[in-house]
Amino acid sequence: MPSRSLSDADPRLVEKFDLLNEDFVREHPGQTLTVTCTYRSPAEQLEAYNSGHSQLKFGNHNVIGANGRPAARAIDVMVVVDGHGS
């Protein structure tokens, strides 16, 4: 089962996420960022890759590596608007 605990994410990313989250909440009233995943086992990552999630992009970067390997204990987030995820 994938983890949502920030303690499972890369500590450098946790520090950046905290800063990003503060800015996001300040700049987008009524919206929050919710952590959806911080670690997937290699099998879970491969399953996500095989289901087409490798097509997700952030800027010019793939969200999931081209070979489905875990991406350094990343932090996946979802935007919540007025209590509803989007």
N, C-alpha and C. Protein backbone atom coordinates (compact mmCIF):
# COMPACT_ATOMS: atom_id res chain seq x y z
N MET A 1 0.85 -1.18 0.00
CA MET A 1 0.00 0.00 0.00
C MET A 1 0.89 1.25 0.00
N PRO A 2 0.68 2.18 -0.93
CA PRO A 2 1.48 3.40 -0.95
C PRO A 2 1.34 4.18 0.36
N SER A 3 2.39 4.89 0.72
CA SER A 3 2.40 5.69 1.93
C SER A 3 1.99 7.13 1.64
N ARG A 4 1.37 7.76 2.62
CA ARG A 4 1.05 9.19 2.57
C ARG A 4 1.81 9.96 3.64
N SER A 5 2.66 9.27 4.38
CA SER A 5 3.39 9.88 5.48
C SER A 5 4.59 10.68 4.95
N LEU A 6 4.69 11.93 5.35
CA LEU A 6 5.83 12.74 4.93
C LEU A 6 7.15 12.18 5.43
N SER A 7 7.12 11.36 6.47
CA SER A 7 8.36 10.76 6.97
C SER A 7 8.93 9.76 5.97
N ASP A 8 8.13 9.30 5.01
CA ASP A 8 8.61 8.37 3.98
C ASP A 8 9.14 9.10 2.74
N ALA A 9 8.96 10.40 2.67
CA ALA A 9 9.45 11.19 1.53
C ALA A 9 10.89 11.63 1.79
N ASP A 10 11.55 12.01 0.73
CA ASP A 10 12.91 12.54 0.84
C ASP A 10 12.84 13.80 1.71
N PRO A 11 13.65 13.89 2.77
CA PRO A 11 13.59 15.05 3.68
C PRO A 11 13.78 16.39 2.98
N ARG A 12 14.57 16.43 1.92
CA ARG A 12 14.76 17.68 1.17
C ARG A 12 13.46 18.10 0.50
N LEU A 13 12.68 17.12 0.04
CA LEU A 13 11.40 17.43 -0.58
C LEU A 13 10.38 17.89 0.45
N VAL A 14 10.43 17.31 1.64
CA VAL A 14 9.50 17.71 2.70
C VAL A 14 9.70 19.18 3.04
N GLU A 15 10.96 19.59 3.15
CA GLU A 15 11.27 20.99 3.44
C GLU A 15 10.71 21.91 2.35
N LYS A 16 10.92 21.54 1.09
CA LYS A 16 10.41 22.34 -0.03
C LYS A 16 8.89 22.31 -0.09
N PHE A 17 8.29 21.14 0.21
CA PHE A 17 6.84 21.03 0.20
C PHE A 17 6.23 21.96 1.24
N ASP A 18 6.81 22.01 2.42
CA ASP A 18 6.28 22.88 3.47
C ASP A 18 6.25 24.34 3.00
N LEU A 19 7.33 24.78 2.35
CA LEU A 19 7.38 26.16 1.83
C LEU A 19 6.37 26.36 0.70
N LEU A 20 6.29 25.40 -0.21
CA LEU A 20 5.33 25.46 -1.30
C LEU A 20 3.90 25.53 -0.78
N ASN A 21 3.60 24.69 0.20
CA ASN A 21 2.26 24.64 0.76
C ASN A 21 1.87 25.97 1.41
N GLU A 22 2.80 26.58 2.14
CA GLU A 22 2.53 27.88 2.76
C GLU A 22 2.20 28.92 1.69
N ASP A 23 3.01 28.97 0.64
CA ASP A 23 2.77 29.92 -0.45
C ASP A 23 1.44 29.64 -1.15
N PHE A 24 1.17 28.36 -1.40
CA PHE A 24 -0.05 27.99 -2.10
C PHE A 24 -1.30 28.42 -1.34
N VAL A 25 -1.33 28.11 -0.06
CA VAL A 25 -2.49 28.46 0.77
C VAL A 25 -2.69 29.98 0.82
N ARG A 26 -1.60 30.71 0.91
CA ARG A 26 -1.67 32.18 0.95
C ARG A 26 -2.18 32.74 -0.38
N GLU A 27 -1.73 32.18 -1.49
CA GLU A 27 -2.07 32.70 -2.81
C GLU A 27 -3.39 32.16 -3.37
N HIS A 28 -3.92 31.10 -2.77
CA HIS A 28 -5.16 30.48 -3.26
C HIS A 28 -6.12 30.25 -2.11
N PRO A 29 -6.76 31.31 -1.62
CA PRO A 29 -7.70 31.16 -0.49
C PRO A 29 -8.78 30.12 -0.80
N GLY A 30 -9.10 29.32 0.19
CA GLY A 30 -10.13 28.29 0.02
C GLY A 30 -9.61 27.01 -0.61
N GLN A 31 -8.31 26.96 -0.93
CA GLN A 31 -7.71 25.77 -1.52
C GLN A 31 -6.54 25.30 -0.65
N THR A 32 -6.33 24.01 -0.62
CA THR A 32 -5.21 23.43 0.11
C THR A 32 -4.57 22.34 -0.73
N LEU A 33 -3.37 21.96 -0.36
CA LEU A 33 -2.71 20.82 -0.98
C LEU A 33 -2.76 19.65 -0.01
N THR A 34 -3.20 18.50 -0.48
CA THR A 34 -3.25 17.30 0.33
C THR A 34 -2.28 16.28 -0.24
N VAL A 35 -1.45 15.71 0.61
CA VAL A 35 -0.49 14.70 0.19
C VAL A 35 -1.26 13.41 -0.12
N THR A 36 -1.05 12.88 -1.33
CA THR A 36 -1.72 11.64 -1.73
C THR A 36 -0.78 10.44 -1.73
N CYS A 37 0.53 10.68 -1.85
CA CYS A 37 1.48 9.57 -1.85
C CYS A 37 2.89 10.11 -1.63
N THR A 38 3.66 9.40 -0.82
CA THR A 38 5.06 9.77 -0.61
C THR A 38 6.02 8.64 -0.96
N TYR A 39 5.52 7.43 -1.05
CA TYR A 39 6.36 6.30 -1.41
C TYR A 39 5.49 5.19 -1.99
N ARG A 40 5.97 4.60 -3.07
CA ARG A 40 5.36 3.39 -3.63
C ARG A 40 6.46 2.33 -3.70
N SER A 41 6.09 1.09 -3.41
CA SER A 41 7.05 0.00 -3.60
C SER A 41 7.37 -0.10 -5.09
N PRO A 42 8.46 -0.76 -5.45
CA PRO A 42 8.76 -0.93 -6.87
C PRO A 42 7.60 -1.58 -7.64
N ALA A 43 6.93 -2.54 -7.03
CA ALA A 43 5.79 -3.20 -7.70
C ALA A 43 4.63 -2.22 -7.91
N GLU A 44 4.34 -1.39 -6.89
CA GLU A 44 3.27 -0.40 -7.03
C GLU A 44 3.63 0.65 -8.07
N GLN A 45 4.89 1.05 -8.11
CA GLN A 45 5.33 2.03 -9.09
C GLN A 45 5.20 1.47 -10.51
N LEU A 46 5.59 0.20 -10.69
CA LEU A 46 5.48 -0.44 -12.00
C LEU A 46 4.01 -0.55 -12.41
N GLU A 47 3.14 -0.85 -11.45
CA GLU A 47 1.70 -0.92 -11.75
C GLU A 47 1.17 0.44 -12.20
N ALA A 48 1.59 1.51 -11.52
CA ALA A 48 1.17 2.87 -11.92
C ALA A 48 1.69 3.18 -13.32
N TYR A 49 2.93 2.81 -13.58
CA TYR A 49 3.52 3.04 -14.90
C TYR A 49 2.73 2.28 -15.97
N ASN A 50 2.46 1.01 -15.71
CA ASN A 50 1.75 0.18 -16.70
C ASN A 50 0.31 0.63 -16.93
N SER A 51 -0.28 1.33 -15.96
CA SER A 51 -1.66 1.79 -16.12
C SER A 51 -1.74 3.12 -16.87
N GLY A 52 -0.59 3.62 -17.33
CA GLY A 52 -0.60 4.84 -18.13
C GLY A 52 -0.25 6.09 -17.38
N HIS A 53 0.04 6.00 -16.10
CA HIS A 53 0.37 7.19 -15.32
C HIS A 53 1.70 7.80 -15.74
N SER A 54 2.48 7.06 -16.53
CA SER A 54 3.76 7.61 -16.99
C SER A 54 3.56 8.77 -17.94
N GLN A 55 2.35 8.96 -18.40
CA GLN A 55 2.06 10.06 -19.32
C GLN A 55 1.87 11.38 -18.58
N LEU A 56 1.72 11.32 -17.26
CA LEU A 56 1.54 12.55 -16.50
C LEU A 56 2.80 13.39 -16.58
N LYS A 57 2.64 14.69 -16.73
CA LYS A 57 3.78 15.60 -16.86
C LYS A 57 3.65 16.74 -15.86
N PHE A 58 4.79 17.24 -15.43
CA PHE A 58 4.86 18.47 -14.66
C PHE A 58 5.92 19.29 -15.35
N GLY A 59 5.52 20.30 -16.07
CA GLY A 59 6.46 21.03 -16.90
C GLY A 59 6.98 20.10 -17.97
N ASN A 60 8.28 19.96 -18.06
CA ASN A 60 8.88 19.06 -19.04
C ASN A 60 9.28 17.72 -18.45
N HIS A 61 8.85 17.41 -17.24
CA HIS A 61 9.30 16.22 -16.54
C HIS A 61 8.20 15.18 -16.42
N ASN A 62 8.55 13.91 -16.65
CA ASN A 62 7.61 12.83 -16.37
C ASN A 62 7.42 12.73 -14.86
N VAL A 63 6.21 12.45 -14.45
CA VAL A 63 5.94 12.26 -13.02
C VAL A 63 6.51 10.93 -12.57
N ILE A 64 6.37 9.92 -13.40
CA ILE A 64 6.89 8.60 -13.09
C ILE A 64 8.00 8.31 -14.09
N GLY A 65 9.10 7.78 -13.62
CA GLY A 65 10.24 7.51 -14.50
C GLY A 65 9.87 6.63 -15.67
N ALA A 66 10.63 6.74 -16.72
CA ALA A 66 10.34 6.02 -17.96
C ALA A 66 10.33 4.51 -17.77
N ASN A 67 11.06 4.00 -16.79
CA ASN A 67 11.08 2.56 -16.57
C ASN A 67 10.23 2.14 -15.39
N GLY A 68 9.44 3.06 -14.81
CA GLY A 68 8.53 2.73 -13.72
C GLY A 68 9.19 2.63 -12.36
N ARG A 69 10.46 2.99 -12.24
CA ARG A 69 11.12 2.92 -10.94
C ARG A 69 10.66 4.04 -10.02
N PRO A 70 10.66 3.81 -8.71
CA PRO A 70 10.29 4.88 -7.78
C PRO A 70 11.15 6.11 -7.98
N ALA A 71 10.55 7.27 -7.87
CA ALA A 71 11.25 8.53 -8.11
C ALA A 71 11.67 9.17 -6.80
N ALA A 72 12.66 8.58 -6.13
CA ALA A 72 13.29 9.17 -4.95
C ALA A 72 12.33 9.60 -3.85
N ARG A 73 11.36 8.75 -3.55
CA ARG A 73 10.41 9.05 -2.47
C ARG A 73 9.78 10.42 -2.68
N ALA A 74 9.14 10.59 -3.79
CA ALA A 74 8.53 11.86 -4.18
C ALA A 74 7.31 12.18 -3.34
N ILE A 75 6.78 13.38 -3.50
CA ILE A 75 5.55 13.80 -2.82
C ILE A 75 4.51 14.10 -3.89
N ASP A 76 3.47 13.27 -3.94
CA ASP A 76 2.34 13.51 -4.84
C ASP A 76 1.28 14.28 -4.06
N VAL A 77 0.69 15.28 -4.69
CA VAL A 77 -0.32 16.08 -4.02
C VAL A 77 -1.57 16.22 -4.87
N MET A 78 -2.64 16.59 -4.21
CA MET A 78 -3.91 16.88 -4.85
C MET A 78 -4.37 18.24 -4.33
N VAL A 79 -4.95 19.05 -5.21
CA VAL A 79 -5.51 20.33 -4.81
C VAL A 79 -6.94 20.09 -4.28
N VAL A 80 -7.21 20.62 -3.11
CA VAL A 80 -8.54 20.51 -2.50
C VAL A 80 -9.16 21.91 -2.51
N VAL A 81 -10.34 22.01 -3.14
CA VAL A 81 -11.05 23.28 -3.24
C VAL A 81 -12.36 23.15 -2.46
N ASP A 82 -12.51 23.98 -1.44
CA ASP A 82 -13.71 23.96 -0.61
C ASP A 82 -14.04 22.55 -0.14
N GLY A 83 -13.02 21.79 0.26
CA GLY A 83 -13.21 20.46 0.81
C GLY A 83 -13.33 19.35 -0.21
N HIS A 84 -13.20 19.66 -1.50
CA HIS A 84 -13.33 18.65 -2.55
C HIS A 84 -12.04 18.57 -3.35
N GLY A 85 -11.52 17.33 -3.51
CA GLY A 85 -10.30 17.12 -4.30
C GLY A 85 -10.53 17.35 -5.76
N SER A 86 -9.49 17.83 -6.45
CA SER A 86 -9.60 18.04 -7.90
C SER A 86 -8.31 17.64 -8.58
